[in-house]
PDB file of N, CA and C in Angstrom:
ATOM      1  N   MET A   1      87.786  26.464  45.262  1.00  0.00           N
ATOM      2  CA  MET A   1      88.523  27.301  46.192  1.00  0.00           C
ATOM      3  C   MET A   1      87.632  28.475  46.592  1.00  0.00           C
ATOM      4  N   PRO A   2      87.504  28.741  47.870  1.00  0.00           N
ATOM      5  CA  PRO A   2      86.661  29.846  48.305  1.00  0.00           C
ATOM      6  C   PRO A   2      87.255  31.178  47.864  1.00  0.00           C
ATOM      7  N   PRO A   3      86.403  32.181  47.707  1.00  0.00           N
ATOM      8  CA  PRO A   3      86.926  33.487  47.305  1.00  0.00           C
ATOM      9  C   PRO A   3      87.817  34.062  48.394  1.00  0.00           C
ATOM     10  N   ARG A   4      88.843  34.757  47.962  1.00  0.00           N
ATOM     11  CA  ARG A   4      89.745  35.399  48.916  1.00  0.00           C
ATOM     12  C   ARG A   4      89.098  36.675  49.426  1.00  0.00           C
ATOM     13  N   SER A   5      89.211  36.906  50.697  1.00  0.00           N
ATOM     14  CA  SER A   5      88.634  38.112  51.260  1.00  0.00           C
ATOM     15  C   SER A   5      89.629  39.250  51.158  1.00  0.00           C
ATOM     16  N   SER A   6      89.110  40.433  51.123  1.00  0.00           N
ATOM     17  CA  SER A   6      89.977  41.604  51.099  1.00  0.00           C
ATOM     18  C   SER A   6      90.420  41.899  52.525  1.00  0.00           C
ATOM     19  N   PRO A   7      91.513  42.643  52.672  1.00  0.00           N
ATOM     20  CA  PRO A   7      91.969  42.966  54.027  1.00  0.00           C
ATOM     21  C   PRO A   7      90.902  43.663  54.850  1.00  0.00           C
ATOM     22  N   SER A   8      90.022  44.448  54.214  1.00  0.00           N
ATOM     23  CA  SER A   8      88.995  45.155  54.968  1.00  0.00           C
ATOM     24  C   SER A   8      87.906  44.221  55.492  1.00  0.00           C
ATOM     25  N   SER A   9      87.772  43.023  54.900  1.00  0.00           N
ATOM     26  CA  SER A   9      86.759  42.088  55.367  1.00  0.00           C
ATOM     27  C   SER A   9      87.285  41.144  56.441  1.00  0.00           C
ATOM     28  N   ARG A  10      88.557  41.248  56.764  1.00  0.00           N
ATOM     29  CA  ARG A  10      89.108  40.403  57.814  1.00  0.00           C
ATOM     30  C   ARG A  10      88.536  40.817  59.159  1.00  0.00           C
ATOM     31  N   VAL A  11      88.514  39.880  60.086  1.00  0.00           N
ATOM     32  CA  VAL A  11      87.964  40.161  61.407  1.00  0.00           C
ATOM     33  C   VAL A  11      89.078  40.179  62.442  1.00  0.00           C
ATOM     34  N   ASP A  12      88.871  40.965  63.469  1.00  0.00           N
ATOM     35  CA  ASP A  12      89.833  41.022  64.570  1.00  0.00           C
ATOM     36  C   ASP A  12      89.582  39.853  65.506  1.00  0.00           C
ATOM     37  N   LEU A  13      90.653  39.320  66.060  1.00  0.00           N
ATOM     38  CA  LEU A  13      90.529  38.231  67.018  1.00  0.00           C
ATOM     39  C   LEU A  13      90.111  38.768  68.375  1.00  0.00           C
ATOM     40  N   LEU A  14      89.233  38.049  69.045  1.00  0.00           N
ATOM     41  CA  LEU A  14      88.911  38.384  70.419  1.00  0.00           C
ATOM     42  C   LEU A  14      90.097  38.019  71.299  1.00  0.00           C
ATOM     43  N   GLN A  15      90.243  38.712  72.392  1.00  0.00           N
ATOM     44  CA  GLN A  15      91.354  38.446  73.299  1.00  0.00           C
ATOM     45  C   GLN A  15      91.324  36.985  73.754  1.00  0.00           C
ATOM     46  N   GLY A  16      92.435  36.325  73.693  1.00  0.00           N
ATOM     47  CA  GLY A  16      92.535  34.925  74.101  1.00  0.00           C
ATOM     48  C   GLY A  16      92.278  33.943  72.977  1.00  0.00           C
ATOM     49  N   THR A  17      91.697  34.416  71.883  1.00  0.00           N
ATOM     50  CA  THR A  17      91.379  33.525  70.777  1.00  0.00           C
ATOM     51  C   THR A  17      92.634  33.043  70.055  1.00  0.00           C
ATOM     52  N   LEU A  18      93.633  33.902  69.947  1.00  0.00           N
ATOM     53  CA  LEU A  18      94.856  33.515  69.253  1.00  0.00           C
ATOM     54  C   LEU A  18      95.500  32.308  69.924  1.00  0.00           C
ATOM     55  N   ASP A  19      95.516  32.276  71.245  1.00  0.00           N
ATOM     56  CA  ASP A  19      96.099  31.131  71.949  1.00  0.00           C
ATOM     57  C   ASP A  19      95.368  29.847  71.563  1.00  0.00           C
ATOM     58  N   LEU A  20      94.046  29.907  71.533  1.00  0.00           N
ATOM     59  CA  LEU A  20      93.241  28.737  71.158  1.00  0.00           C
ATOM     60  C   LEU A  20      93.560  28.301  69.729  1.00  0.00           C
ATOM     61  N   LEU A  21      93.674  29.250  68.817  1.00  0.00           N
ATOM     62  CA  LEU A  21      93.950  28.914  67.415  1.00  0.00           C
ATOM     63  C   LEU A  21      95.338  28.304  67.250  1.00  0.00           C
ATOM     64  N   ILE A  22      96.299  28.808  67.991  1.00  0.00           N
ATOM     65  CA  ILE A  22      97.657  28.244  67.926  1.00  0.00           C
ATOM     66  C   ILE A  22      97.652  26.818  68.474  1.00  0.00           C
ATOM     67  N   LEU A  23      97.021  26.617  69.627  1.00  0.00           N
ATOM     68  CA  LEU A  23      96.974  25.274  70.214  1.00  0.00           C
ATOM     69  C   LEU A  23      96.285  24.303  69.261  1.00  0.00           C
ATOM     70  N   ARG A  24      95.190  24.749  68.647  1.00  0.00           N
ATOM     71  CA  ARG A  24      94.467  23.874  67.706  1.00  0.00           C
ATOM     72  C   ARG A  24      95.337  23.560  66.488  1.00  0.00           C
ATOM     73  N   THR A  25      96.038  24.545  65.984  1.00  0.00           N
ATOM     74  CA  THR A  25      96.914  24.326  64.829  1.00  0.00           C
ATOM     75  C   THR A  25      97.992  23.301  65.164  1.00  0.00           C
ATOM     76  N   LEU A  26      98.571  23.412  66.352  1.00  0.00           N
ATOM     77  CA  LEU A  26      99.646  22.497  66.736  1.00  0.00           C
ATOM     78  C   LEU A  26      99.125  21.115  67.126  1.00  0.00           C
ATOM     79  N   SER A  27      97.831  20.965  67.310  1.00  0.00           N
ATOM     80  CA  SER A  27      97.289  19.635  67.618  1.00  0.00           C
ATOM     81  C   SER A  27      97.424  18.697  66.415  1.00  0.00           C
ATOM     82  N   SER A  28      97.643  19.268  65.240  1.00  0.00           N
ATOM     83  CA  SER A  28      97.839  18.460  64.022  1.00  0.00           C
ATOM     84  C   SER A  28      99.292  18.054  63.837  1.00  0.00           C
ATOM     85  N   GLY A  29     100.202  18.664  64.608  1.00  0.00           N
ATOM     86  CA  GLY A  29     101.613  18.330  64.492  1.00  0.00           C
ATOM     87  C   GLY A  29     102.482  19.561  64.642  1.00  0.00           C
ATOM     88  N   PRO A  30     103.793  19.364  64.787  1.00  0.00           N
ATOM     89  CA  PRO A  30     104.711  20.492  64.974  1.00  0.00           C
ATOM     90  C   PRO A  30     104.701  21.421  63.762  1.00  0.00           C
ATOM     91  N   ALA A  31     104.950  22.698  64.032  1.00  0.00           N
ATOM     92  CA  ALA A  31     105.011  23.680  62.946  1.00  0.00           C
ATOM     93  C   ALA A  31     105.853  24.863  63.395  1.00  0.00           C
ATOM     94  N   HIS A  32     106.441  25.560  62.415  1.00  0.00           N
ATOM     95  CA  HIS A  32     107.158  26.792  62.736  1.00  0.00           C
ATOM     96  C   HIS A  32     106.180  27.961  62.670  1.00  0.00           C
ATOM     97  N   GLY A  33     106.610  29.122  63.145  1.00  0.00           N
ATOM     98  CA  GLY A  33     105.710  30.253  63.264  1.00  0.00           C
ATOM     99  C   GLY A  33     104.996  30.641  61.983  1.00  0.00           C
ATOM    100  N   LEU A  34     105.740  30.735  60.887  1.00  0.00           N
ATOM    101  CA  LEU A  34     105.120  31.127  59.621  1.00  0.00           C
ATOM    102  C   LEU A  34     104.063  30.127  59.192  1.00  0.00           C
ATOM    103  N   ALA A  35     104.339  28.845  59.387  1.00  0.00           N
ATOM    104  CA  ALA A  35     103.366  27.808  59.022  1.00  0.00           C
ATOM    105  C   ALA A  35     102.110  27.913  59.886  1.00  0.00           C
ATOM    106  N   ILE A  36     102.279  28.248  61.152  1.00  0.00           N
ATOM    107  CA  ILE A  36     101.122  28.421  62.037  1.00  0.00           C
ATOM    108  C   ILE A  36     100.261  29.577  61.530  1.00  0.00           C
ATOM    109  N   ALA A  37     100.908  30.703  61.227  1.00  0.00           N
ATOM    110  CA  ALA A  37     100.160  31.878  60.743  1.00  0.00           C
ATOM    111  C   ALA A  37      99.447  31.564  59.429  1.00  0.00           C
ATOM    112  N   LYS A  38     100.132  30.880  58.515  1.00  0.00           N
ATOM    113  CA  LYS A  38      99.514  30.541  57.225  1.00  0.00           C
ATOM    114  C   LYS A  38      98.359  29.572  57.400  1.00  0.00           C
ATOM    115  N   HIS A  39      98.502  28.609  58.305  1.00  0.00           N
ATOM    116  CA  HIS A  39      97.429  27.646  58.550  1.00  0.00           C
ATOM    117  C   HIS A  39      96.178  28.366  59.060  1.00  0.00           C
ATOM    118  N   ILE A  40      96.353  29.270  60.002  1.00  0.00           N
ATOM    119  CA  ILE A  40      95.210  30.009  60.543  1.00  0.00           C
ATOM    120  C   ILE A  40      94.557  30.843  59.438  1.00  0.00           C
ATOM    121  N   GLN A  41      95.365  31.492  58.627  1.00  0.00           N
ATOM    122  CA  GLN A  41      94.821  32.317  57.547  1.00  0.00           C
ATOM    123  C   GLN A  41      94.088  31.452  56.515  1.00  0.00           C
ATOM    124  N   ARG A  42      94.699  30.356  56.131  1.00  0.00           N
ATOM    125  CA  ARG A  42      94.115  29.486  55.102  1.00  0.00           C
ATOM    126  C   ARG A  42      92.817  28.830  55.598  1.00  0.00           C
ATOM    127  N   THR A  43      92.836  28.286  56.799  1.00  0.00           N
ATOM    128  CA  THR A  43      91.656  27.576  57.282  1.00  0.00           C
ATOM    129  C   THR A  43      90.514  28.529  57.651  1.00  0.00           C
ATOM    130  N   SER A  44      90.817  29.796  57.863  1.00  0.00           N
ATOM    131  CA  SER A  44      89.752  30.780  58.128  1.00  0.00           C
ATOM    132  C   SER A  44      89.296  31.446  56.835  1.00  0.00           C
ATOM    133  N   GLU A  45      89.732  30.919  55.707  1.00  0.00           N
ATOM    134  CA  GLU A  45      89.395  31.484  54.397  1.00  0.00           C
ATOM    135  C   GLU A  45      89.792  32.954  54.324  1.00  0.00           C
ATOM    136  N   ASP A  46      90.966  33.242  54.841  1.00  0.00           N
ATOM    137  CA  ASP A  46      91.573  34.574  54.821  1.00  0.00           C
ATOM    138  C   ASP A  46      90.863  35.606  55.705  1.00  0.00           C
ATOM    139  N   LEU A  47      89.948  35.178  56.523  1.00  0.00           N
ATOM    140  CA  LEU A  47      89.277  36.137  57.404  1.00  0.00           C
ATOM    141  C   LEU A  47      90.167  36.524  58.582  1.00  0.00           C
ATOM    142  N   LEU A  48      91.054  35.622  58.966  1.00  0.00           N
ATOM    143  CA  LEU A  48      91.964  35.887  60.072  1.00  0.00           C
ATOM    144  C   LEU A  48      93.389  35.948  59.543  1.00  0.00           C
ATOM    145  N   GLN A  49      94.078  37.010  59.873  1.00  0.00           N
ATOM    146  CA  GLN A  49      95.484  37.140  59.510  1.00  0.00           C
ATOM    147  C   GLN A  49      96.261  37.463  60.776  1.00  0.00           C
ATOM    148  N   VAL A  50      97.191  36.598  61.118  1.00  0.00           N
ATOM    149  CA  VAL A  50      97.964  36.774  62.340  1.00  0.00           C
ATOM    150  C   VAL A  50      99.281  37.463  61.998  1.00  0.00           C
ATOM    151  N   GLU A  51      99.472  38.619  62.564  1.00  0.00           N
ATOM    152  CA  GLU A  51     100.703  39.377  62.340  1.00  0.00           C
ATOM    153  C   GLU A  51     101.810  38.835  63.251  1.00  0.00           C
ATOM    154  N   THR A  52     103.052  38.949  62.782  1.00  0.00           N
ATOM    155  CA  THR A  52     104.169  38.433  63.576  1.00  0.00           C
ATOM    156  C   THR A  52     104.268  39.132  64.938  1.00  0.00           C
ATOM    157  N   GLY A  53     103.846  40.383  64.985  1.00  0.00           N
ATOM    158  CA  GLY A  53     103.876  41.128  66.248  1.00  0.00           C
ATOM    159  C   GLY A  53     102.925  40.567  67.296  1.00  0.00           C
ATOM    160  N   SER A  54     101.942  39.793  66.851  1.00  0.00           N
ATOM    161  CA  SER A  54     101.029  39.121  67.779  1.00  0.00           C
ATOM    162  C   SER A  54     101.402  37.652  67.950  1.00  0.00           C
ATOM    163  N   LEU A  55     101.847  37.032  66.852  1.00  0.00           N
ATOM    164  CA  LEU A  55     102.115  35.597  66.873  1.00  0.00           C
ATOM    165  C   LEU A  55     103.259  35.228  67.816  1.00  0.00           C
ATOM    166  N   TYR A  56     104.400  35.874  67.647  1.00  0.00           N
ATOM    167  CA  TYR A  56     105.566  35.431  68.418  1.00  0.00           C
ATOM    168  C   TYR A  56     105.443  35.709  69.921  1.00  0.00           C
ATOM    169  N   PRO A  57     104.872  36.839  70.336  1.00  0.00           N
ATOM    170  CA  PRO A  57     104.618  36.979  71.784  1.00  0.00           C
ATOM    171  C   PRO A  57     103.679  35.889  72.313  1.00  0.00           C
ATOM    172  N   ALA A  58     102.683  35.521  71.506  1.00  0.00           N
ATOM    173  CA  ALA A  58     101.763  34.453  71.933  1.00  0.00           C
ATOM    174  C   ALA A  58     102.506  33.126  72.043  1.00  0.00           C
ATOM    175  N   LEU A  59     103.363  32.828  71.073  1.00  0.00           N
ATOM    176  CA  LEU A  59     104.127  31.576  71.124  1.00  0.00           C
ATOM    177  C   LEU A  59     105.027  31.543  72.370  1.00  0.00           C
ATOM    178  N   HIS A  60     105.671  32.656  72.658  1.00  0.00           N
ATOM    179  CA  HIS A  60     106.531  32.715  73.859  1.00  0.00           C
ATOM    180  C   HIS A  60     105.701  32.555  75.137  1.00  0.00           C
ATOM    181  N   ARG A  61     104.519  33.162  75.149  1.00  0.00           N
ATOM    182  CA  ARG A  61     103.635  33.051  76.315  1.00  0.00           C
ATOM    183  C   ARG A  61     103.189  31.597  76.520  1.00  0.00           C
ATOM    184  N   LEU A  62     102.794  30.944  75.435  1.00  0.00           N
ATOM    185  CA  LEU A  62     102.340  29.557  75.530  1.00  0.00           C
ATOM    186  C   LEU A  62     103.483  28.632  75.948  1.00  0.00           C
ATOM    187  N   GLU A  63     104.677  28.927  75.448  1.00  0.00           N
ATOM    188  CA  GLU A  63     105.851  28.126  75.822  1.00  0.00           C
ATOM    189  C   GLU A  63     106.164  28.323  77.307  1.00  0.00           C
ATOM    190  N   ALA A  64     106.085  29.556  77.791  1.00  0.00           N
ATOM    191  CA  ALA A  64     106.360  29.834  79.213  1.00  0.00           C
ATOM    192  C   ALA A  64     105.357  29.136  80.124  1.00  0.00           C
ATOM    193  N   ARG A  65     104.137  28.958  79.649  1.00  0.00           N
ATOM    194  CA  ARG A  65     103.107  28.274  80.437  1.00  0.00           C
ATOM    195  C   ARG A  65     103.224  26.756  80.350  1.00  0.00           C
ATOM    196  N   GLY A  66     104.111  26.282  79.476  1.00  0.00           N
ATOM    197  CA  GLY A  66     104.303  24.836  79.329  1.00  0.00           C
ATOM    198  C   GLY A  66     103.276  24.177  78.429  1.00  0.00           C
ATOM    199  N   TRP A  67     102.514  24.973  77.680  1.00  0.00           N
ATOM    200  CA  TRP A  67     101.486  24.420  76.810  1.00  0.00           C
ATOM    201  C   TRP A  67     102.061  23.990  75.467  1.00  0.00           C
ATOM    202  N   ILE A  68     103.192  24.587  75.077  1.00  0.00           N
ATOM    203  CA  ILE A  68     103.893  24.173  73.865  1.00  0.00           C
ATOM    204  C   ILE A  68     105.383  24.096  74.196  1.00  0.00           C
ATOM    205  N   ALA A  69     106.113  23.353  73.372  1.00  0.00           N
ATOM    206  CA  ALA A  69     107.569  23.268  73.498  1.00  0.00           C
ATOM    207  C   ALA A  69     108.157  23.632  72.145  1.00  0.00           C
ATOM    208  N   ALA A  70     109.384  24.130  72.143  1.00  0.00           N
ATOM    209  CA  ALA A  70     110.000  24.570  70.899  1.00  0.00           C
ATOM    210  C   ALA A  70     111.419  24.022  70.783  1.00  0.00           C
ATOM    211  N   ALA A  71     111.834  23.795  69.545  1.00  0.00           N
ATOM    212  CA  ALA A  71     113.199  23.348  69.268  1.00  0.00           C
ATOM    213  C   ALA A  71     113.576  23.805  67.864  1.00  0.00           C
ATOM    214  N   TRP A  72     114.861  24.073  67.682  1.00  0.00           N
ATOM    215  CA  TRP A  72     115.354  24.459  66.359  1.00  0.00           C
ATOM    216  C   TRP A  72     115.484  23.206  65.498  1.00  0.00           C
ATOM    217  N   GLU A  73     114.930  23.270  64.299  1.00  0.00           N
ATOM    218  CA  GLU A  73     114.995  22.161  63.340  1.00  0.00           C
ATOM    219  C   GLU A  73     115.114  22.739  61.938  1.00  0.00           C
ATOM    220  N   LEU A  74     115.338  21.860  60.969  1.00  0.00           N
ATOM    221  CA  LEU A  74     115.377  22.305  59.581  1.00  0.00           C
ATOM    222  C   LEU A  74     113.980  22.209  58.985  1.00  0.00           C
ATOM    223  N   SER A  75     113.582  23.265  58.267  1.00  0.00           N
ATOM    224  CA  SER A  75     112.282  23.259  57.602  1.00  0.00           C
ATOM    225  C   SER A  75     112.357  22.395  56.345  1.00  0.00           C
ATOM    226  N   ASP A  76     111.217  22.212  55.688  1.00  0.00           N
ATOM    227  CA  ASP A  76     111.211  21.427  54.455  1.00  0.00           C
ATOM    228  C   ASP A  76     111.991  22.116  53.345  1.00  0.00           C
ATOM    229  N   LYS A  77     112.310  23.382  53.515  1.00  0.00           N
ATOM    230  CA  LYS A  77     113.129  24.119  52.542  1.00  0.00           C
ATOM    231  C   LYS A  77     114.599  24.141  52.951  1.00  0.00           C
ATOM    232  N   GLY A  78     114.930  23.389  54.006  1.00  0.00           N
ATOM    233  CA  GLY A  78     116.315  23.294  54.443  1.00  0.00           C
ATOM    234  C   GLY A  78     116.784  24.467  55.281  1.00  0.00           C
ATOM    235  N   LYS A  79     115.874  25.325  55.690  1.00  0.00           N
ATOM    236  CA  LYS A  79     116.254  26.464  56.519  1.00  0.00           C
ATOM    237  C   LYS A  79     116.007  26.135  57.981  1.00  0.00           C
ATOM    238  N   ARG A  80     116.848  26.680  58.821  1.00  0.00           N
ATOM    239  CA  ARG A  80     116.715  26.471  60.254  1.00  0.00           C
ATOM    240  C   ARG A  80     115.543  27.290  60.767  1.00  0.00           C
ATOM    241  N   ALA A  81     114.645  26.640  61.500  1.00  0.00           N
ATOM    242  CA  ALA A  81     113.468  27.330  62.032  1.00  0.00           C
ATOM    243  C   ALA A  81     113.125  26.750  63.393  1.00  0.00           C
ATOM    244  N   ARG A  82     112.447  27.546  64.179  1.00  0.00           N
ATOM    245  CA  ARG A  82     112.023  27.102  65.502  1.00  0.00           C
ATOM    246  C   ARG A  82     110.653  26.442  65.366  1.00  0.00           C
ATOM    247  N   PHE A  83     110.599  25.156  65.625  1.00  0.00           N
ATOM    248  CA  PHE A  83     109.361  24.381  65.511  1.00  0.00           C
ATOM    249  C   PHE A  83     108.706  24.267  66.882  1.00  0.00           C
ATOM    250  N   TYR A  84     107.396  24.463  66.873  1.00  0.00           N
ATOM    251  CA  TYR A  84     106.611  24.402  68.102  1.00  0.00           C
ATOM    252  C   TYR A  84     105.736  23.165  68.074  1.00  0.00           C
ATOM    253  N   ARG A  85     105.590  22.529  69.223  1.00  0.00           N
ATOM    254  CA  ARG A  85     104.723  21.341  69.321  1.00  0.00           C
ATOM    255  C   ARG A  85     103.918  21.424  70.613  1.00  0.00           C
ATOM    256  N   LEU A  86     102.765  20.809  70.565  1.00  0.00           N
ATOM    257  CA  LEU A  86     101.862  20.803  71.708  1.00  0.00           C
ATOM    258  C   LEU A  86     102.382  19.841  72.771  1.00  0.00           C
ATOM    259  N   THR A  87     102.342  20.240  74.022  1.00  0.00           N
ATOM    260  CA  THR A  87     102.726  19.362  75.132  1.00  0.00           C
ATOM    261  C   THR A  87     101.457  18.683  75.663  1.00  0.00           C
ATOM    262  N   PRO A  88     101.594  17.658  76.479  1.00  0.00           N
ATOM    263  CA  PRO A  88     100.398  17.058  77.086  1.00  0.00           C
ATOM    264  C   PRO A  88      99.578  18.088  77.877  1.00  0.00           C
ATOM    265  N   LEU A  89     100.259  18.996  78.570  1.00  0.00           N
ATOM    266  CA  LEU A  89      99.554  20.061  79.290  1.00  0.00           C
ATOM    267  C   LEU A  89      98.809  20.962  78.298  1.00  0.00           C
ATOM    268  N   GLY A  90      99.438  21.252  77.184  1.00  0.00           N
ATOM    269  CA  GLY A  90      98.794  22.068  76.160  1.00  0.00           C
ATOM    270  C   GLY A  90      97.596  21.377  75.535  1.00  0.00           C
ATOM    271  N   ARG A  91      97.692  20.080  75.380  1.00  0.00           N
ATOM    272  CA  ARG A  91      96.563  19.317  74.826  1.00  0.00           C
ATOM    273  C   ARG A  91      95.356  19.391  75.779  1.00  0.00           C
ATOM    274  N   ARG A  92      95.606  19.291  77.074  1.00  0.00           N
ATOM    275  CA  ARG A  92      94.506  19.426  78.053  1.00  0.00           C
ATOM    276  C   ARG A  92      93.949  20.849  78.028  1.00  0.00           C
ATOM    277  N   ARG A  93      94.840  21.829  77.892  1.00  0.00           N
ATOM    278  CA  ARG A  93      94.393  23.223  77.840  1.00  0.00           C
ATOM    279  C   ARG A  93      93.547  23.471  76.590  1.00  0.00           C
ATOM    280  N   LEU A  94      93.964  22.894  75.473  1.00  0.00           N
ATOM    281  CA  LEU A  94      93.193  23.028  74.231  1.00  0.00           C
ATOM    282  C   LEU A  94      91.785  22.482  74.433  1.00  0.00           C
ATOM    283  N   SER A  95      91.669  21.338  75.062  1.00  0.00           N
ATOM    284  CA  SER A  95      90.357  20.738  75.287  1.00  0.00           C
ATOM    285  C   SER A  95      89.485  21.656  76.152  1.00  0.00           C
ATOM    286  N   ALA A  96      90.073  22.208  77.212  1.00  0.00           N
ATOM    287  CA  ALA A  96      89.320  23.090  78.103  1.00  0.00           C
ATOM    288  C   ALA A  96      88.915  24.381  77.391  1.00  0.00           C
ATOM    289  N   GLU A  97      89.858  24.977  76.657  1.00  0.00           N
ATOM    290  CA  GLU A  97      89.570  26.236  75.957  1.00  0.00           C
ATOM    291  C   GLU A  97      88.552  26.027  74.844  1.00  0.00           C
ATOM    292  N   ARG A  98      88.625  24.896  74.193  1.00  0.00           N
ATOM    293  CA  ARG A  98      87.670  24.601  73.120  1.00  0.00           C
ATOM    294  C   ARG A  98      86.251  24.467  73.697  1.00  0.00           C
ATOM    295  N   SER A  99      86.126  23.820  74.834  1.00  0.00           N
ATOM    296  CA  SER A  99      84.822  23.693  75.483  1.00  0.00           C
ATOM    297  C   SER A  99      84.273  25.064  75.863  1.00  0.00           C
ATOM    298  N   LYS A 100      85.136  25.921  76.398  1.00  0.00           N
ATOM    299  CA  LYS A 100      84.701  27.268  76.775  1.00  0.00           C
ATOM    300  C   LYS A 100      84.277  28.056  75.539  1.00  0.00           C
ATOM    301  N   TRP A 101      85.037  27.932  74.458  1.00  0.00           N
ATOM    302  CA  TRP A 101      84.720  28.647  73.223  1.00  0.00           C
ATOM    303  C   TRP A 101      83.375  28.183  72.660  1.00  0.00           C
ATOM    304  N   GLU A 102      83.149  26.885  72.652  1.00  0.00           N
ATOM    305  CA  GLU A 102      81.893  26.347  72.123  1.00  0.00           C
ATOM    306  C   GLU A 102      80.702  26.796  72.975  1.00  0.00           C
ATOM    307  N   ALA A 103      80.887  26.886  74.288  1.00  0.00           N
ATOM    308  CA  ALA A 103      79.808  27.376  75.153  1.00  0.00           C
ATOM    309  C   ALA A 103      79.533  28.847  74.867  1.00  0.00           C
ATOM    310  N   LEU A 104      80.592  29.634  74.669  1.00  0.00           N
ATOM    311  CA  LEU A 104      80.426  31.050  74.352  1.00  0.00           C
ATOM    312  C   LEU A 104      79.714  31.221  73.006  1.00  0.00           C
ATOM    313  N   ALA A 105      80.145  30.470  72.009  1.00  0.00           N
ATOM    314  CA  ALA A 105      79.530  30.560  70.674  1.00  0.00           C
ATOM    315  C   ALA A 105      78.047  30.189  70.745  1.00  0.00           C
ATOM    316  N   ARG A 106      77.716  29.172  71.523  1.00  0.00           N
ATOM    317  CA  ARG A 106      76.316  28.761  71.667  1.00  0.00           C
ATOM    318  C   ARG A 106      75.519  29.868  72.348  1.00  0.00           C
ATOM    319  N   ALA A 107      76.087  30.470  73.397  1.00  0.00           N
ATOM    320  CA  ALA A 107      75.387  31.533  74.120  1.00  0.00           C
ATOM    321  C   ALA A 107      75.149  32.743  73.215  1.00  0.00           C
ATOM    322  N   VAL A 108      76.144  33.139  72.441  1.00  0.00           N
ATOM    323  CA  VAL A 108      75.989  34.288  71.538  1.00  0.00           C
ATOM    324  C   VAL A 108      74.952  33.975  70.467  1.00  0.00           C
ATOM    325  N   THR A 109      74.971  32.756  69.952  1.00  0.00           N
ATOM    326  CA  THR A 109      73.980  32.354  68.951  1.00  0.00           C
ATOM    327  C   THR A 109      72.571  32.420  69.530  1.00  0.00           C
ATOM    328  N   LEU A 110      72.408  31.998  70.772  1.00  0.00           N
ATOM    329  CA  LEU A 110      71.096  32.057  71.409  1.00  0.00           C
ATOM    330  C   LEU A 110      70.614  33.498  71.558  1.00  0.00           C
ATOM    331  N   VAL A 111      71.528  34.391  71.894  1.00  0.00           N
ATOM    332  CA  VAL A 111      71.152  35.799  72.048  1.00  0.00           C
ATOM    333  C   VAL A 111      70.810  36.411  70.684  1.00  0.00           C
ATOM    334  N   LEU A 112      71.583  36.067  69.659  1.00  0.00           N
ATOM    335  CA  LEU A 112      71.330  36.625  68.329  1.00  0.00           C
ATOM    336  C   LEU A 112      70.075  36.051  67.684  1.00  0.00           C
ATOM    337  N   ASN A 113      69.705  34.861  68.066  1.00  0.00           N
ATOM    338  CA  ASN A 113      68.551  34.185  67.479  1.00  0.00           C
ATOM    339  C   ASN A 113      67.585  33.742  68.582  1.00  0.00           C
ATOM    340  N   PRO A 114      66.942  34.691  69.249  1.00  0.00           N
ATOM    341  CA  PRO A 114      66.048  34.302  70.352  1.00  0.00           C
ATOM    342  C   PRO A 114      64.879  33.465  69.840  1.00  0.00           C
ATOM    343  N   ALA A 115      64.377  32.616  70.709  1.00  0.00           N
ATOM    344  CA  ALA A 115      63.302  31.699  70.335  1.00  0.00           C
ATOM    345  C   ALA A 115      61.968  32.412  70.142  1.00  0.00           C
ATOM    346  N   ASP A 116      61.810  33.608  70.710  1.00  0.00           N
ATOM    347  CA  ASP A 116      60.491  34.285  70.614  1.00  0.00           C
ATOM    348  C   ASP A 116      60.244  34.956  69.313  1.00  0.00           C
TER     349      ASP A 116
END
């Protein structure tokens, strides 16, 4: 198990990155908000922590754009929760955003590690 990072070692998300992370998380299957936040935190080795004040506005924004859909269902603990799932439009958006992110990451890497 990787070491847990302290809150001071966490990194801030760049604008627009949260949408990409949510879409990627939902590409694995439907999830409720808390599960989405935990997945992002766990898979980033605790470097990213999504606060509810950022998560739920993002979920509503993505739903309004038609990239995700939501429905009330019972969680595995038997509690009623709003589950979000990726739509076909959201899947196409994820592919486009992922390509843009990878191009940006490559460009930043090139600048940080010049060939000369």
